[in-house]
Amino acid sequence: MGLLDALFAKNYTNLTNDELKTILKQKEDYQFVDVRTKQEFKHKRIKGFDKNIDFYKFSRNLSMLERIKKDKPVVLVCETGSRSRSTCNILHKLGYTDIYNVRGGVSSWNGVITK
């Protein structure tokens, strides 16, 4: 790995809609966390994302992230992918190693939505 690779290396894996659909079928093997606000989460969410931890709240109180286990892969989603990408980086700094981000977030999801 070169210097530029090390500087710009991602500490998480982006998932496409098709990849997420496959992972959702293995629900017991992953943690699915929606980092949008409580209101966004209540309005609509991707079926299978049952845990909600508001990015704007935990970014000021990282202890809220203790609800996420370090020994189990975590899949993160937000509305467009920005907050979940930031959360991926925060989790990596906290010692999490198996982290996934839903590319494009809920707004680009073409699967089942729960309202």
PDB file of N, CA and C in Angstrom:
ATOM      1  N   MET A   1       0.852  -1.172   0.000  1.00  0.00           N
ATOM      2  CA  MET A   1       0.000   0.000   0.000  1.00  0.00           C
ATOM      3  C   MET A   1       0.895   1.231   0.000  1.00  0.00           C
ATOM      4  N   GLY A   2       0.658   2.147  -0.953  1.00  0.00           N
ATOM      5  CA  GLY A   2       1.426   3.371  -1.033  1.00  0.00           C
ATOM      6  C   GLY A   2       0.926   4.419  -0.048  1.00  0.00           C
ATOM      7  N   LEU A   3       1.641   5.525   0.023  1.00  0.00           N
ATOM      8  CA  LEU A   3       1.281   6.605   0.941  1.00  0.00           C
ATOM      9  C   LEU A   3      -0.108   7.149   0.650  1.00  0.00           C
ATOM     10  N   LEU A   4      -0.432   7.385  -0.614  1.00  0.00           N
ATOM     11  CA  LEU A   4      -1.756   7.908  -0.951  1.00  0.00           C
ATOM     12  C   LEU A   4      -2.851   6.918  -0.598  1.00  0.00           C
ATOM     13  N   ASP A   5      -2.597   5.633  -0.815  1.00  0.00           N
ATOM     14  CA  ASP A   5      -3.571   4.613  -0.441  1.00  0.00           C
ATOM     15  C   ASP A   5      -3.829   4.647   1.059  1.00  0.00           C
ATOM     16  N   ALA A   6      -2.772   4.798   1.832  1.00  0.00           N
ATOM     17  CA  ALA A   6      -2.913   4.833   3.290  1.00  0.00           C
ATOM     18  C   ALA A   6      -3.672   6.076   3.733  1.00  0.00           C
ATOM     19  N   LEU A   7      -3.411   7.210   3.098  1.00  0.00           N
ATOM     20  CA  LEU A   7      -4.082   8.458   3.482  1.00  0.00           C
ATOM     21  C   LEU A   7      -5.570   8.449   3.147  1.00  0.00           C
ATOM     22  N   PHE A   8      -5.918   7.830   2.042  1.00  0.00           N
ATOM     23  CA  PHE A   8      -7.303   7.882   1.579  1.00  0.00           C
ATOM     24  C   PHE A   8      -8.035   6.546   1.711  1.00  0.00           C
ATOM     25  N   ALA A   9      -7.472   5.622   2.450  1.00  0.00           N
ATOM     26  CA  ALA A   9      -8.105   4.316   2.636  1.00  0.00           C
ATOM     27  C   ALA A   9      -9.405   4.469   3.422  1.00  0.00           C
ATOM     28  N   LYS A  10     -10.405   3.765   2.979  1.00  0.00           N
ATOM     29  CA  LYS A  10     -11.673   3.746   3.712  1.00  0.00           C
ATOM     30  C   LYS A  10     -11.600   2.669   4.779  1.00  0.00           C
ATOM     31  N   ASN A  11     -12.221   2.954   5.883  1.00  0.00           N
ATOM     32  CA  ASN A  11     -12.233   2.017   7.002  1.00  0.00           C
ATOM     33  C   ASN A  11     -13.553   1.252   7.045  1.00  0.00           C
ATOM     34  N   TYR A  12     -14.280   1.274   5.941  1.00  0.00           N
ATOM     35  CA  TYR A  12     -15.583   0.635   5.857  1.00  0.00           C
ATOM     36  C   TYR A  12     -15.821   0.221   4.414  1.00  0.00           C
ATOM     37  N   THR A  13     -16.874  -0.555   4.211  1.00  0.00           N
ATOM     38  CA  THR A  13     -17.246  -1.008   2.877  1.00  0.00           C
ATOM     39  C   THR A  13     -18.582  -0.395   2.490  1.00  0.00           C
ATOM     40  N   ASN A  14     -18.639   0.214   1.300  1.00  0.00           N
ATOM     41  CA  ASN A  14     -19.912   0.719   0.789  1.00  0.00           C
ATOM     42  C   ASN A  14     -20.711  -0.436   0.199  1.00  0.00           C
ATOM     43  N   LEU A  15     -22.007  -0.437   0.468  1.00  0.00           N
ATOM     44  CA  LEU A  15     -22.895  -1.477  -0.057  1.00  0.00           C
ATOM     45  C   LEU A  15     -23.834  -0.903  -1.105  1.00  0.00           C
ATOM     46  N   THR A  16     -24.029  -1.639  -2.181  1.00  0.00           N
ATOM     47  CA  THR A  16     -25.051  -1.298  -3.161  1.00  0.00           C
ATOM     48  C   THR A  16     -26.399  -1.831  -2.661  1.00  0.00           C
ATOM     49  N   ASN A  17     -27.469  -1.457  -3.331  1.00  0.00           N
ATOM     50  CA  ASN A  17     -28.790  -1.980  -2.967  1.00  0.00           C
ATOM     51  C   ASN A  17     -28.822  -3.503  -3.038  1.00  0.00           C
ATOM     52  N   ASP A  18     -28.257  -4.072  -4.077  1.00  0.00           N
ATOM     53  CA  ASP A  18     -28.270  -5.533  -4.224  1.00  0.00           C
ATOM     54  C   ASP A  18     -27.464  -6.217  -3.122  1.00  0.00           C
ATOM     55  N   GLU A  19     -26.325  -5.646  -2.772  1.00  0.00           N
ATOM     56  CA  GLU A  19     -25.515  -6.223  -1.694  1.00  0.00           C
ATOM     57  C   GLU A  19     -26.252  -6.151  -0.362  1.00  0.00           C
ATOM     58  N   LEU A  20     -26.927  -5.022  -0.115  1.00  0.00           N
ATOM     59  CA  LEU A  20     -27.684  -4.885   1.132  1.00  0.00           C
ATOM     60  C   LEU A  20     -28.835  -5.883   1.174  1.00  0.00           C
ATOM     61  N   LYS A  21     -29.519  -6.084   0.066  1.00  0.00           N
ATOM     62  CA  LYS A  21     -30.620  -7.055   0.039  1.00  0.00           C
ATOM     63  C   LYS A  21     -30.125  -8.442   0.438  1.00  0.00           C
ATOM     64  N   THR A  22     -28.936  -8.816  -0.004  1.00  0.00           N
ATOM     65  CA  THR A  22     -28.353 -10.106   0.354  1.00  0.00           C
ATOM     66  C   THR A  22     -28.045 -10.160   1.847  1.00  0.00           C
ATOM     67  N   ILE A  23     -27.434  -9.101   2.370  1.00  0.00           N
ATOM     68  CA  ILE A  23     -27.065  -9.065   3.792  1.00  0.00           C
ATOM     69  C   ILE A  23     -28.302  -9.066   4.682  1.00  0.00           C
ATOM     70  N   LEU A  24     -29.359  -8.384   4.266  1.00  0.00           N
ATOM     71  CA  LEU A  24     -30.589  -8.343   5.077  1.00  0.00           C
ATOM     72  C   LEU A  24     -31.185  -9.734   5.271  1.00  0.00           C
ATOM     73  N   LYS A  25     -30.907 -10.655   4.365  1.00  0.00           N
ATOM     74  CA  LYS A  25     -31.390 -12.029   4.498  1.00  0.00           C
ATOM     75  C   LYS A  25     -30.638 -12.780   5.591  1.00  0.00           C
ATOM     76  N   GLN A  26     -29.493 -12.244   6.013  1.00  0.00           N
ATOM     77  CA  GLN A  26     -28.665 -12.841   7.060  1.00  0.00           C
ATOM     78  C   GLN A  26     -28.755 -11.986   8.320  1.00  0.00           C
ATOM     79  N   LYS A  27     -29.944 -11.511   8.613  1.00  0.00           N
ATOM     80  CA  LYS A  27     -30.174 -10.526   9.664  1.00  0.00           C
ATOM     81  C   LYS A  27     -29.502 -10.860  10.998  1.00  0.00           C
ATOM     82  N   GLU A  28     -29.498 -12.125  11.378  1.00  0.00           N
ATOM     83  CA  GLU A  28     -28.947 -12.500  12.684  1.00  0.00           C
ATOM     84  C   GLU A  28     -27.426 -12.336  12.748  1.00  0.00           C
ATOM     85  N   ASP A  29     -26.765 -12.221  11.593  1.00  0.00           N
ATOM     86  CA  ASP A  29     -25.310 -12.103  11.560  1.00  0.00           C
ATOM     87  C   ASP A  29     -24.803 -10.655  11.596  1.00  0.00           C
ATOM     88  N   TYR A  30     -25.717  -9.675  11.507  1.00  0.00           N
ATOM     89  CA  TYR A  30     -25.341  -8.265  11.404  1.00  0.00           C
ATOM     90  C   TYR A  30     -26.147  -7.408  12.374  1.00  0.00           C
ATOM     91  N   GLN A  31     -25.649  -6.192  12.605  1.00  0.00           N
ATOM     92  CA  GLN A  31     -26.389  -5.160  13.327  1.00  0.00           C
ATOM     93  C   GLN A  31     -26.763  -4.100  12.294  1.00  0.00           C
ATOM     94  N   PHE A  32     -28.020  -3.731  12.242  1.00  0.00           N
ATOM     95  CA  PHE A  32     -28.497  -2.749  11.273  1.00  0.00           C
ATOM     96  C   PHE A  32     -28.908  -1.491  12.022  1.00  0.00           C
ATOM     97  N   VAL A  33     -28.158  -0.397  11.794  1.00  0.00           N
ATOM     98  CA  VAL A  33     -28.359   0.829  12.557  1.00  0.00           C
ATOM     99  C   VAL A  33     -28.646   1.998  11.620  1.00  0.00           C
ATOM    100  N   ASP A  34     -29.764   2.657  11.870  1.00  0.00           N
ATOM    101  CA  ASP A  34     -30.173   3.858  11.142  1.00  0.00           C
ATOM    102  C   ASP A  34     -29.740   5.052  11.978  1.00  0.00           C
ATOM    103  N   VAL A  35     -28.920   5.950  11.417  1.00  0.00           N
ATOM    104  CA  VAL A  35     -28.391   7.075  12.186  1.00  0.00           C
ATOM    105  C   VAL A  35     -29.104   8.393  11.880  1.00  0.00           C
ATOM    106  N   ARG A  36     -30.305   8.305  11.321  1.00  0.00           N
ATOM    107  CA  ARG A  36     -31.101   9.510  11.082  1.00  0.00           C
ATOM    108  C   ARG A  36     -31.798   9.936  12.377  1.00  0.00           C
ATOM    109  N   THR A  37     -32.493  11.057  12.322  1.00  0.00           N
ATOM    110  CA  THR A  37     -33.218  11.529  13.499  1.00  0.00           C
ATOM    111  C   THR A  37     -34.389  10.597  13.794  1.00  0.00           C
ATOM    112  N   LYS A  38     -34.893  10.701  14.991  1.00  0.00           N
ATOM    113  CA  LYS A  38     -36.039   9.873  15.402  1.00  0.00           C
ATOM    114  C   LYS A  38     -37.238  10.124  14.473  1.00  0.00           C
ATOM    115  N   GLN A  39     -37.451  11.371  14.085  1.00  0.00           N
ATOM    116  CA  GLN A  39     -38.568  11.710  13.204  1.00  0.00           C
ATOM    117  C   GLN A  39     -38.390  11.082  11.823  1.00  0.00           C
ATOM    118  N   GLU A  40     -37.184  11.133  11.268  1.00  0.00           N
ATOM    119  CA  GLU A  40     -36.922  10.510   9.969  1.00  0.00           C
ATOM    120  C   GLU A  40     -37.156   9.004  10.056  1.00  0.00           C
ATOM    121  N   PHE A  41     -36.669   8.410  11.132  1.00  0.00           N
ATOM    122  CA  PHE A  41     -36.784   6.968  11.338  1.00  0.00           C
ATOM    123  C   PHE A  41     -38.243   6.542  11.438  1.00  0.00           C
ATOM    124  N   LYS A  42     -39.058   7.324  12.156  1.00  0.00           N
ATOM    125  CA  LYS A  42     -40.477   6.996  12.309  1.00  0.00           C
ATOM    126  C   LYS A  42     -41.243   7.168  11.000  1.00  0.00           C
ATOM    127  N   HIS A  43     -40.826   8.115  10.184  1.00  0.00           N
ATOM    128  CA  HIS A  43     -41.528   8.401   8.928  1.00  0.00           C
ATOM    129  C   HIS A  43     -41.398   7.246   7.940  1.00  0.00           C
ATOM    130  N   LYS A  44     -40.178   6.770   7.736  1.00  0.00           N
ATOM    131  CA  LYS A  44     -39.930   5.619   6.853  1.00  0.00           C
ATOM    132  C   LYS A  44     -38.539   5.098   7.117  1.00  0.00           C
ATOM    133  N   ARG A  45     -38.372   3.790   6.955  1.00  0.00           N
ATOM    134  CA  ARG A  45     -37.054   3.178   7.131  1.00  0.00           C
ATOM    135  C   ARG A  45     -36.965   1.906   6.292  1.00  0.00           C
ATOM    136  N   ILE A  46     -35.731   1.489   6.079  1.00  0.00           N
ATOM    137  CA  ILE A  46     -35.500   0.244   5.355  1.00  0.00           C
ATOM    138  C   ILE A  46     -35.876  -0.907   6.281  1.00  0.00           C
ATOM    139  N   LYS A  47     -36.717  -1.804   5.783  1.00  0.00           N
ATOM    140  CA  LYS A  47     -37.135  -2.947   6.589  1.00  0.00           C
ATOM    141  C   LYS A  47     -35.897  -3.745   7.010  1.00  0.00           C
ATOM    142  N   GLY A  48     -35.791  -3.975   8.314  1.00  0.00           N
ATOM    143  CA  GLY A  48     -34.654  -4.695   8.873  1.00  0.00           C
ATOM    144  C   GLY A  48     -33.760  -3.795   9.718  1.00  0.00           C
ATOM    145  N   PHE A  49     -33.824  -2.494   9.478  1.00  0.00           N
ATOM    146  CA  PHE A  49     -33.069  -1.533  10.286  1.00  0.00           C
ATOM    147  C   PHE A  49     -33.940  -1.147  11.474  1.00  0.00           C
ATOM    148  N   ASP A  50     -33.803  -1.918  12.549  1.00  0.00           N
ATOM    149  CA  ASP A  50     -34.664  -1.735  13.712  1.00  0.00           C
ATOM    150  C   ASP A  50     -34.040  -0.879  14.805  1.00  0.00           C
ATOM    151  N   LYS A  51     -32.739  -0.631  14.711  1.00  0.00           N
ATOM    152  CA  LYS A  51     -32.053   0.170  15.728  1.00  0.00           C
ATOM    153  C   LYS A  51     -31.836   1.572  15.182  1.00  0.00           C
ATOM    154  N   ASN A  52     -32.208   2.589  15.973  1.00  0.00           N
ATOM    155  CA  ASN A  52     -32.030   3.985  15.585  1.00  0.00           C
ATOM    156  C   ASN A  52     -31.191   4.696  16.640  1.00  0.00           C
ATOM    157  N   ILE A  53     -30.059   5.254  16.204  1.00  0.00           N
ATOM    158  CA  ILE A  53     -29.210   6.072  17.076  1.00  0.00           C
ATOM    159  C   ILE A  53     -28.951   7.368  16.316  1.00  0.00           C
ATOM    160  N   ASP A  54     -29.548   8.454  16.757  1.00  0.00           N
ATOM    161  CA  ASP A  54     -29.505   9.752  16.082  1.00  0.00           C
ATOM    162  C   ASP A  54     -28.078  10.303  16.021  1.00  0.00           C
ATOM    163  N   PHE A  55     -27.581  10.504  14.818  1.00  0.00           N
ATOM    164  CA  PHE A  55     -26.232  11.023  14.606  1.00  0.00           C
ATOM    165  C   PHE A  55     -25.998  12.332  15.355  1.00  0.00           C
ATOM    166  N   TYR A  56     -26.971  13.228  15.307  1.00  0.00           N
ATOM    167  CA  TYR A  56     -26.791  14.539  15.924  1.00  0.00           C
ATOM    168  C   TYR A  56     -26.713  14.463  17.447  1.00  0.00           C
ATOM    169  N   LYS A  57     -27.276  13.416  18.019  1.00  0.00           N
ATOM    170  CA  LYS A  57     -27.193  13.242  19.471  1.00  0.00           C
ATOM    171  C   LYS A  57     -25.918  12.508  19.868  1.00  0.00           C
ATOM    172  N   PHE A  58     -25.578  11.405  19.174  1.00  0.00           N
ATOM    173  CA  PHE A  58     -24.405  10.649  19.591  1.00  0.00           C
ATOM    174  C   PHE A  58     -23.108  11.352  19.213  1.00  0.00           C
ATOM    175  N   SER A  59     -23.152  12.261  18.238  1.00  0.00           N
ATOM    176  CA  SER A  59     -21.913  12.962  17.886  1.00  0.00           C
ATOM    177  C   SER A  59     -21.454  13.874  19.024  1.00  0.00           C
ATOM    178  N   ARG A  60     -22.366  14.178  19.955  1.00  0.00           N
ATOM    179  CA  ARG A  60     -22.019  14.960  21.152  1.00  0.00           C
ATOM    180  C   ARG A  60     -21.870  14.067  22.376  1.00  0.00           C
ATOM    181  N   ASN A  61     -22.272  12.798  22.254  1.00  0.00           N
ATOM    182  CA  ASN A  61     -22.230  11.868  23.378  1.00  0.00           C
ATOM    183  C   ASN A  61     -21.931  10.462  22.845  1.00  0.00           C
ATOM    184  N   LEU A  62     -20.662  10.180  22.616  1.00  0.00           N
ATOM    185  CA  LEU A  62     -20.265   8.920  21.985  1.00  0.00           C
ATOM    186  C   LEU A  62     -20.637   7.687  22.796  1.00  0.00           C
ATOM    187  N   SER A  63     -20.955   7.858  24.073  1.00  0.00           N
ATOM    188  CA  SER A  63     -21.333   6.691  24.880  1.00  0.00           C
ATOM    189  C   SER A  63     -22.613   6.048  24.355  1.00  0.00           C
ATOM    190  N   MET A  64     -23.410   6.792  23.593  1.00  0.00           N
ATOM    191  CA  MET A  64     -24.621   6.223  23.002  1.00  0.00           C
ATOM    192  C   MET A  64     -24.286   5.079  22.039  1.00  0.00           C
ATOM    193  N   LEU A  65     -23.077   5.099  21.499  1.00  0.00           N
ATOM    194  CA  LEU A  65     -22.678   4.072  20.535  1.00  0.00           C
ATOM    195  C   LEU A  65     -22.356   2.747  21.197  1.00  0.00           C
ATOM    196  N   GLU A  66     -22.329   2.713  22.508  1.00  0.00           N
ATOM    197  CA  GLU A  66     -22.051   1.461  23.216  1.00  0.00           C
ATOM    198  C   GLU A  66     -23.138   0.421  22.975  1.00  0.00           C
ATOM    199  N   ARG A  67     -24.291   0.850  22.435  1.00  0.00           N
ATOM    200  CA  ARG A  67     -25.364  -0.083  22.084  1.00  0.00           C
ATOM    201  C   ARG A  67     -24.987  -0.949  20.883  1.00  0.00           C
ATOM    202  N   ILE A  68     -23.925  -0.565  20.189  1.00  0.00           N
ATOM    203  CA  ILE A  68     -23.456  -1.317  19.022  1.00  0.00           C
ATOM    204  C   ILE A  68     -22.307  -2.221  19.468  1.00  0.00           C
ATOM    205  N   LYS A  69     -22.450  -3.515  19.227  1.00  0.00           N
ATOM    206  CA  LYS A  69     -21.424  -4.486  19.630  1.00  0.00           C
ATOM    207  C   LYS A  69     -20.221  -4.402  18.701  1.00  0.00           C
ATOM    208  N   LYS A  70     -19.045  -4.521  19.269  1.00  0.00           N
ATOM    209  CA  LYS A  70     -17.817  -4.484  18.470  1.00  0.00           C
ATOM    210  C   LYS A  70     -17.516  -5.814  17.797  1.00  0.00           C
ATOM    211  N   ASP A  71     -18.080  -6.905  18.307  1.00  0.00           N
ATOM    212  CA  ASP A  71     -17.751  -8.229  17.780  1.00  0.00           C
ATOM    213  C   ASP A  71     -18.727  -8.728  16.716  1.00  0.00           C
ATOM    214  N   LYS A  72     -19.575  -7.842  16.216  1.00  0.00           N
ATOM    215  CA  LYS A  72     -20.554  -8.231  15.196  1.00  0.00           C
ATOM    216  C   LYS A  72     -20.568  -7.152  14.110  1.00  0.00           C
ATOM    217  N   PRO A  73     -20.570  -7.531  12.829  1.00  0.00           N
ATOM    218  CA  PRO A  73     -20.574  -6.527  11.763  1.00  0.00           C
ATOM    219  C   PRO A  73     -21.743  -5.553  11.916  1.00  0.00           C
ATOM    220  N   VAL A  74     -21.480  -4.282  11.588  1.00  0.00           N
ATOM    221  CA  VAL A  74     -22.514  -3.257  11.692  1.00  0.00           C
ATOM    222  C   VAL A  74     -22.731  -2.618  10.321  1.00  0.00           C
ATOM    223  N   VAL A  75     -24.021  -2.480   9.955  1.00  0.00           N
ATOM    224  CA  VAL A  75     -24.421  -1.849   8.703  1.00  0.00           C
ATOM    225  C   VAL A  75     -25.125  -0.554   9.062  1.00  0.00           C
ATOM    226  N   LEU A  76     -24.647   0.551   8.499  1.00  0.00           N
ATOM    227  CA  LEU A  76     -25.176   1.873   8.825  1.00  0.00           C
ATOM    228  C   LEU A  76     -25.876   2.501   7.639  1.00  0.00           C
ATOM    229  N   VAL A  77     -26.944   3.251   7.936  1.00  0.00           N
ATOM    230  CA  VAL A  77     -27.672   3.969   6.892  1.00  0.00           C
ATOM    231  C   VAL A  77     -28.153   5.302   7.446  1.00  0.00           C
ATOM    232  N   CYS A  78     -28.275   6.281   6.555  1.00  0.00           N
ATOM    233  CA  CYS A  78     -28.910   7.559   6.874  1.00  0.00           C
ATOM    234  C   CYS A  78     -29.755   7.920   5.651  1.00  0.00           C
ATOM    235  N   GLU A  79     -30.086   9.175   5.466  1.00  0.00           N
ATOM    236  CA  GLU A  79     -30.935   9.559   4.338  1.00  0.00           C
ATOM    237  C   GLU A  79     -30.189   9.496   3.006  1.00  0.00           C
ATOM    238  N   THR A  80     -28.954  10.032   2.950  1.00  0.00           N
ATOM    239  CA  THR A  80     -28.227  10.092   1.680  1.00  0.00           C
ATOM    240  C   THR A  80     -26.855   9.422   1.710  1.00  0.00           C
ATOM    241  N   GLY A  81     -26.394   9.015   2.882  1.00  0.00           N
ATOM    242  CA  GLY A  81     -25.096   8.362   3.002  1.00  0.00           C
ATOM    243  C   GLY A  81     -24.043   9.208   3.692  1.00  0.00           C
ATOM    244  N   SER A  82     -24.302  10.469   3.908  1.00  0.00           N
ATOM    245  CA  SER A  82     -23.304  11.359   4.510  1.00  0.00           C
ATOM    246  C   SER A  82     -23.109  11.099   6.010  1.00  0.00           C
ATOM    247  N   ARG A  83     -24.188  11.101   6.767  1.00  0.00           N
ATOM    248  CA  ARG A  83     -24.086  10.853   8.208  1.00  0.00           C
ATOM    249  C   ARG A  83     -23.597   9.442   8.492  1.00  0.00           C
ATOM    250  N   SER A  84     -24.039   8.485   7.686  1.00  0.00           N
ATOM    251  CA  SER A  84     -23.592   7.103   7.925  1.00  0.00           C
ATOM    252  C   SER A  84     -22.112   6.939   7.597  1.00  0.00           C
ATOM    253  N   ARG A  85     -21.607   7.644   6.578  1.00  0.00           N
ATOM    254  CA  ARG A  85     -20.158   7.604   6.288  1.00  0.00           C
ATOM    255  C   ARG A  85     -19.378   8.187   7.460  1.00  0.00           C
ATOM    256  N   SER A  86     -19.849   9.305   7.997  1.00  0.00           N
ATOM    257  CA  SER A  86     -19.185   9.904   9.160  1.00  0.00           C
ATOM    258  C   SER A  86     -19.204   8.947  10.346  1.00  0.00           C
ATOM    259  N   THR A  87     -20.326   8.260  10.523  1.00  0.00           N
ATOM    260  CA  THR A  87     -20.454   7.300  11.618  1.00  0.00           C
ATOM    261  C   THR A  87     -19.490   6.137  11.423  1.00  0.00           C
ATOM    262  N   CYS A  88     -19.315   5.692  10.194  1.00  0.00           N
ATOM    263  CA  CYS A  88     -18.343   4.621   9.906  1.00  0.00           C
ATOM    264  C   CYS A  88     -16.961   5.029  10.395  1.00  0.00           C
ATOM    265  N   ASN A  89     -16.571   6.251  10.100  1.00  0.00           N
ATOM    266  CA  ASN A  89     -15.248   6.730  10.509  1.00  0.00           C
ATOM    267  C   ASN A  89     -15.136   6.851  12.024  1.00  0.00           C
ATOM    268  N   ILE A  90     -16.186   7.304  12.677  1.00  0.00           N
ATOM    269  CA  ILE A  90     -16.196   7.399  14.141  1.00  0.00           C
ATOM    270  C   ILE A  90     -16.059   6.008  14.752  1.00  0.00           C
ATOM    271  N   LEU A  91     -16.845   5.054  14.251  1.00  0.00           N
ATOM    272  CA  LEU A  91     -16.780   3.690  14.786  1.00  0.00           C
ATOM    273  C   LEU A  91     -15.387   3.090  14.599  1.00  0.00           C
ATOM    274  N   HIS A  92     -14.798   3.334  13.442  1.00  0.00           N
ATOM    275  CA  HIS A  92     -13.444   2.823  13.205  1.00  0.00           C
ATOM    276  C   HIS A  92     -12.477   3.377  14.254  1.00  0.00           C
ATOM    277  N   LYS A  93     -12.557   4.652  14.531  1.00  0.00           N
ATOM    278  CA  LYS A  93     -11.678   5.273  15.536  1.00  0.00           C
ATOM    279  C   LYS A  93     -11.931   4.702  16.929  1.00  0.00           C
ATOM    280  N   LEU A  94     -13.148   4.188  17.158  1.00  0.00           N
ATOM    281  CA  LEU A  94     -13.488   3.600  18.451  1.00  0.00           C
ATOM    282  C   LEU A  94     -13.133   2.111  18.519  1.00  0.00           C
ATOM    283  N   GLY A  95     -12.555   1.568  17.449  1.00  0.00           N
ATOM    284  CA  GLY A  95     -12.094   0.186  17.478  1.00  0.00           C
ATOM    285  C   GLY A  95     -12.970  -0.826  16.760  1.00  0.00           C
ATOM    286  N   TYR A  96     -14.021  -0.383  16.098  1.00  0.00           N
ATOM    287  CA  TYR A  96     -14.852  -1.301  15.315  1.00  0.00           C
ATOM    288  C   TYR A  96     -14.107  -1.633  14.030  1.00  0.00           C
ATOM    289  N   THR A  97     -14.262  -2.857  13.553  1.00  0.00           N
ATOM    290  CA  THR A  97     -13.490  -3.273  12.383  1.00  0.00           C
ATOM    291  C   THR A  97     -14.328  -3.744  11.204  1.00  0.00           C
ATOM    292  N   ASP A  98     -15.532  -4.215  11.432  1.00  0.00           N
ATOM    293  CA  ASP A  98     -16.367  -4.767  10.352  1.00  0.00           C
ATOM    294  C   ASP A  98     -17.565  -3.841  10.154  1.00  0.00           C
ATOM    295  N   ILE A  99     -17.364  -2.798   9.316  1.00  0.00           N
ATOM    296  CA  ILE A  99     -18.322  -1.696   9.194  1.00  0.00           C
ATOM    297  C   ILE A  99     -18.755  -1.556   7.738  1.00  0.00           C
ATOM    298  N   TYR A 100     -20.067  -1.372   7.550  1.00  0.00           N
ATOM    299  CA  TYR A 100     -20.631  -1.225   6.206  1.00  0.00           C
ATOM    300  C   TYR A 100     -21.505   0.027   6.152  1.00  0.00           C
ATOM    301  N   ASN A 101     -21.458   0.709   5.020  1.00  0.00           N
ATOM    302  CA  ASN A 101     -22.260   1.904   4.778  1.00  0.00           C
ATOM    303  C   ASN A 101     -23.175   1.642   3.585  1.00  0.00           C
ATOM    304  N   VAL A 102     -24.449   2.005   3.722  1.00  0.00           N
ATOM    305  CA  VAL A 102     -25.389   1.864   2.603  1.00  0.00           C
ATOM    306  C   VAL A 102     -25.222   3.083   1.699  1.00  0.00           C
ATOM    307  N   ARG A 103     -24.643   2.852   0.533  1.00  0.00           N
ATOM    308  CA  ARG A 103     -24.378   3.930  -0.427  1.00  0.00           C
ATOM    309  C   ARG A 103     -25.700   4.570  -0.870  1.00  0.00           C
ATOM    310  N   GLY A 104     -25.761   5.892  -0.752  1.00  0.00           N
ATOM    311  CA  GLY A 104     -26.949   6.625  -1.192  1.00  0.00           C
ATOM    312  C   GLY A 104     -28.058   6.678  -0.167  1.00  0.00           C
ATOM    313  N   GLY A 105     -27.950   5.894   0.894  1.00  0.00           N
ATOM    314  CA  GLY A 105     -28.906   5.935   1.990  1.00  0.00           C
ATOM    315  C   GLY A 105     -30.326   5.518   1.636  1.00  0.00           C
ATOM    316  N   VAL A 106     -31.234   5.884   2.511  1.00  0.00           N
ATOM    317  CA  VAL A 106     -32.651   5.539   2.349  1.00  0.00           C
ATOM    318  C   VAL A 106     -33.212   6.146   1.071  1.00  0.00           C
ATOM    319  N   SER A 107     -32.746   7.349   0.719  1.00  0.00           N
ATOM    320  CA  SER A 107     -33.296   8.031  -0.458  1.00  0.00           C
ATOM    321  C   SER A 107     -33.031   7.294  -1.766  1.00  0.00           C
ATOM    322  N   SER A 108     -32.015   6.444  -1.815  1.00  0.00           N
ATOM    323  CA  SER A 108     -31.746   5.709  -3.049  1.00  0.00           C
ATOM    324  C   SER A 108     -32.113   4.218  -2.944  1.00  0.00           C
ATOM    325  N   TRP A 109     -32.669   3.812  -1.828  1.00  0.00           N
ATOM    326  CA  TRP A 109     -33.032   2.414  -1.604  1.00  0.00           C
ATOM    327  C   TRP A 109     -34.197   2.029  -2.498  1.00  0.00           C
ATOM    328  N   ASN A 110     -34.090   0.886  -3.172  1.00  0.00           N
ATOM    329  CA  ASN A 110     -35.160   0.429  -4.058  1.00  0.00           C
ATOM    330  C   ASN A 110     -35.823  -0.857  -3.546  1.00  0.00           C
ATOM    331  N   GLY A 111     -35.627  -1.129  -2.267  1.00  0.00           N
ATOM    332  CA  GLY A 111     -36.229  -2.321  -1.667  1.00  0.00           C
ATOM    333  C   GLY A 111     -37.411  -1.968  -0.762  1.00  0.00           C
ATOM    334  N   VAL A 112     -37.703  -2.841   0.171  1.00  0.00           N
ATOM    335  CA  VAL A 112     -38.863  -2.686   1.047  1.00  0.00           C
ATOM    336  C   VAL A 112     -38.620  -1.570   2.058  1.00  0.00           C
ATOM    337  N   ILE A 113     -39.633  -0.706   2.179  1.00  0.00           N
ATOM    338  CA  ILE A 113     -39.636   0.406   3.134  1.00  0.00           C
ATOM    339  C   ILE A 113     -40.726   0.151   4.169  1.00  0.00           C
ATOM    340  N   THR A 114     -40.414   0.393   5.422  1.00  0.00           N
ATOM    341  CA  THR A 114     -41.389   0.299   6.507  1.00  0.00           C
ATOM    342  C   THR A 114     -41.780   1.704   6.894  1.00  0.00           C
ATOM    343  N   LYS A 115     -43.084   1.916   7.054  1.00  0.00           N
ATOM    344  CA  LYS A 115     -43.571   3.245   7.470  1.00  0.00           C
ATOM    345  C   LYS A 115     -44.294   3.145   8.774  1.00  0.00           C
TER     346      LYS A 115
END
